[in-house]
């Protein structure tokens, strides 16, 4: 598994949560845990998902006491629409369904 080091503070204002999520410099992430057989659809390093995946991972690992898993997954879908190269709604929905089915966190 490849790990990525967050090199700049990443801030995202979630309208769903009505709060800012701040991912600090030095946070380690695997970006998106996408099975090898699904990477034809979206690479974990894709510009459509990269920043959103870091935010989602941070929600799963550090913010699980202040939000539900369902909220964290909705933030992923929301953030995928706000990145430099936004994903289409159908791609956001496919990724959202995948994390709802396969995502695991501290909940």
C-alpha atoms as a PDB file:
ATOM      1  CA  UNK A   1       0.000   0.000   0.000  1.00  0.00           C
ATOM      2  CA  UNK A   2       1.345   3.431  -0.950  1.00  0.00           C
ATOM      3  CA  UNK A   3       1.192   6.183   1.643  1.00  0.00           C
ATOM      4  CA  UNK A   4       1.083   9.877   0.853  1.00  0.00           C
ATOM      5  CA  UNK A   5       2.272  12.663   3.139  1.00  0.00           C
ATOM      6  CA  UNK A   6       0.111  15.767   3.253  1.00  0.00           C
ATOM      7  CA  UNK A   7       2.557  18.623   2.574  1.00  0.00           C
ATOM      8  CA  UNK A   8       0.229  21.609   2.995  1.00  0.00           C
ATOM      9  CA  UNK A   9      -2.629  22.228   5.372  1.00  0.00           C
ATOM     10  CA  UNK A  10      -5.809  21.231   3.587  1.00  0.00           C
ATOM     11  CA  UNK A  11      -8.995  23.088   4.536  1.00  0.00           C
ATOM     12  CA  UNK A  12     -12.476  22.297   3.331  1.00  0.00           C
ATOM     13  CA  UNK A  13     -15.719  23.959   4.364  1.00  0.00           C
ATOM     14  CA  UNK A  14     -18.429  21.340   4.376  1.00  0.00           C
ATOM     15  CA  UNK A  15     -21.913  22.697   3.836  1.00  0.00           C
ATOM     16  CA  UNK A  16     -23.239  19.328   5.039  1.00  0.00           C
ATOM     17  CA  UNK A  17     -21.539  19.693   8.425  1.00  0.00           C
ATOM     18  CA  UNK A  18     -21.475  23.509   8.430  1.00  0.00           C
ATOM     19  CA  UNK A  19     -17.863  23.436   9.569  1.00  0.00           C
ATOM     20  CA  UNK A  20     -14.327  23.623   8.293  1.00  0.00           C
ATOM     21  CA  UNK A  21     -12.303  20.415   8.220  1.00  0.00           C
ATOM     22  CA  UNK A  22      -8.561  21.090   8.491  1.00  0.00           C
ATOM     23  CA  UNK A  23      -6.100  18.334   7.609  1.00  0.00           C
ATOM     24  CA  UNK A  24      -2.656  19.209   9.023  1.00  0.00           C
ATOM     25  CA  UNK A  25       0.722  19.071   7.338  1.00  0.00           C
ATOM     26  CA  UNK A  26       2.309  15.682   7.967  1.00  0.00           C
ATOM     27  CA  UNK A  27      -0.927  13.651   7.876  1.00  0.00           C
ATOM     28  CA  UNK A  28      -0.305  10.227   6.284  1.00  0.00           C
ATOM     29  CA  UNK A  29      -2.981   8.813   4.008  1.00  0.00           C
ATOM     30  CA  UNK A  30      -3.395   6.077   1.441  1.00  0.00           C
ATOM     31  CA  UNK A  31      -5.612   8.535  -0.504  1.00  0.00           C
ATOM     32  CA  UNK A  32      -8.428   6.190  -1.442  1.00  0.00           C
ATOM     33  CA  UNK A  33      -8.556   2.500  -0.730  1.00  0.00           C
ATOM     34  CA  UNK A  34      -9.747   1.387  -4.134  1.00  0.00           C
ATOM     35  CA  UNK A  35      -9.426  -2.300  -5.029  1.00  0.00           C
ATOM     36  CA  UNK A  36      -7.028  -2.971  -7.903  1.00  0.00           C
ATOM     37  CA  UNK A  37      -9.867  -4.268 -10.082  1.00  0.00           C
ATOM     38  CA  UNK A  38     -11.777  -0.967  -9.748  1.00  0.00           C
ATOM     39  CA  UNK A  39      -8.874   1.346 -10.535  1.00  0.00           C
ATOM     40  CA  UNK A  40      -9.871   1.447 -14.207  1.00  0.00           C
ATOM     41  CA  UNK A  41     -12.804   3.536 -12.994  1.00  0.00           C
ATOM     42  CA  UNK A  42     -10.873   5.900 -10.744  1.00  0.00           C
ATOM     43  CA  UNK A  43      -7.272   5.926  -9.591  1.00  0.00           C
ATOM     44  CA  UNK A  44      -6.678   6.918  -5.954  1.00  0.00           C
ATOM     45  CA  UNK A  45      -4.374   9.677  -7.244  1.00  0.00           C
ATOM     46  CA  UNK A  46      -6.960  11.040  -9.696  1.00  0.00           C
ATOM     47  CA  UNK A  47      -7.481  14.789  -9.521  1.00  0.00           C
ATOM     48  CA  UNK A  48     -11.198  14.021  -9.131  1.00  0.00           C
ATOM     49  CA  UNK A  49     -10.697  12.312  -5.778  1.00  0.00           C
ATOM     50  CA  UNK A  50      -7.237  13.013  -4.347  1.00  0.00           C
ATOM     51  CA  UNK A  51      -7.962  15.985  -2.022  1.00  0.00           C
ATOM     52  CA  UNK A  52     -11.437  14.685  -1.193  1.00  0.00           C
ATOM     53  CA  UNK A  53      -9.950  11.318  -0.207  1.00  0.00           C
ATOM     54  CA  UNK A  54      -7.473  12.988   2.166  1.00  0.00           C
ATOM     55  CA  UNK A  55     -10.338  14.843   3.833  1.00  0.00           C
ATOM     56  CA  UNK A  56     -12.367  11.620   4.029  1.00  0.00           C
ATOM     57  CA  UNK A  57      -9.464   9.652   5.519  1.00  0.00           C
ATOM     58  CA  UNK A  58      -8.949  12.372   8.114  1.00  0.00           C
ATOM     59  CA  UNK A  59     -12.637  12.246   9.031  1.00  0.00           C
ATOM     60  CA  UNK A  60     -12.355   8.461   9.451  1.00  0.00           C
ATOM     61  CA  UNK A  61      -9.173   8.565  11.542  1.00  0.00           C
ATOM     62  CA  UNK A  62      -9.421  11.778  13.570  1.00  0.00           C
ATOM     63  CA  UNK A  63     -12.973  13.136  13.540  1.00  0.00           C
ATOM     64  CA  UNK A  64     -15.000   9.984  14.137  1.00  0.00           C
ATOM     65  CA  UNK A  65     -16.034  11.190  17.611  1.00  0.00           C
ATOM     66  CA  UNK A  66     -17.623  14.339  16.179  1.00  0.00           C
ATOM     67  CA  UNK A  67     -19.464  12.926  13.157  1.00  0.00           C
ATOM     68  CA  UNK A  68     -21.080   9.719  11.974  1.00  0.00           C
ATOM     69  CA  UNK A  69     -19.599   7.452   9.334  1.00  0.00           C
ATOM     70  CA  UNK A  70     -22.514   8.382   7.099  1.00  0.00           C
ATOM     71  CA  UNK A  71     -21.637  12.076   7.441  1.00  0.00           C
ATOM     72  CA  UNK A  72     -17.967  11.386   6.668  1.00  0.00           C
ATOM     73  CA  UNK A  73     -18.991   9.525   3.514  1.00  0.00           C
ATOM     74  CA  UNK A  74     -21.283  12.377   2.463  1.00  0.00           C
ATOM     75  CA  UNK A  75     -18.380  14.811   2.954  1.00  0.00           C
ATOM     76  CA  UNK A  76     -16.338  12.715   0.500  1.00  0.00           C
ATOM     77  CA  UNK A  77     -19.061  13.011  -2.127  1.00  0.00           C
ATOM     78  CA  UNK A  78     -19.438  16.729  -1.408  1.00  0.00           C
ATOM     79  CA  UNK A  79     -15.682  17.396  -1.578  1.00  0.00           C
ATOM     80  CA  UNK A  80     -15.330  15.508  -4.877  1.00  0.00           C
ATOM     81  CA  UNK A  81     -17.526  18.213  -6.398  1.00  0.00           C
ATOM     82  CA  UNK A  82     -15.382  21.063  -5.024  1.00  0.00           C
ATOM     83  CA  UNK A  83     -11.860  20.043  -6.044  1.00  0.00           C
ATOM     84  CA  UNK A  84      -9.834  21.677  -8.852  1.00  0.00           C
ATOM     85  CA  UNK A  85     -11.162  19.114 -11.336  1.00  0.00           C
ATOM     86  CA  UNK A  86     -14.627  18.224  -9.989  1.00  0.00           C
ATOM     87  CA  UNK A  87     -15.960  14.736 -10.564  1.00  0.00           C
ATOM     88  CA  UNK A  88     -19.279  14.359 -12.316  1.00  0.00           C
ATOM     89  CA  UNK A  89     -22.257  13.615 -10.089  1.00  0.00           C
ATOM     90  CA  UNK A  90     -22.520  10.024 -11.320  1.00  0.00           C
ATOM     91  CA  UNK A  91     -18.847   9.390 -10.418  1.00  0.00           C
ATOM     92  CA  UNK A  92     -19.356  10.968  -7.005  1.00  0.00           C
ATOM     93  CA  UNK A  93     -22.357   8.723  -6.442  1.00  0.00           C
ATOM     94  CA  UNK A  94     -20.481   5.567  -7.485  1.00  0.00           C
ATOM     95  CA  UNK A  95     -17.629   6.392  -5.089  1.00  0.00           C
ATOM     96  CA  UNK A  96     -20.133   7.221  -2.328  1.00  0.00           C
ATOM     97  CA  UNK A  97     -21.874   3.846  -2.764  1.00  0.00           C
ATOM     98  CA  UNK A  98     -18.484   2.096  -2.690  1.00  0.00           C
ATOM     99  CA  UNK A  99     -17.470   3.710   0.619  1.00  0.00           C
ATOM    100  CA  UNK A 100     -20.889   3.031   2.109  1.00  0.00           C
ATOM    101  CA  UNK A 101     -20.475  -0.657   1.237  1.00  0.00           C
ATOM    102  CA  UNK A 102     -16.778  -1.094   1.959  1.00  0.00           C
ATOM    103  CA  UNK A 103     -15.595   1.749   4.170  1.00  0.00           C
ATOM    104  CA  UNK A 104     -14.388   1.000   7.657  1.00  0.00           C
ATOM    105  CA  UNK A 105     -13.497   3.387  10.395  1.00  0.00           C
ATOM    106  CA  UNK A 106     -13.623   3.804  14.120  1.00  0.00           C
ATOM    107  CA  UNK A 107     -17.408   3.618  14.355  1.00  0.00           C
END
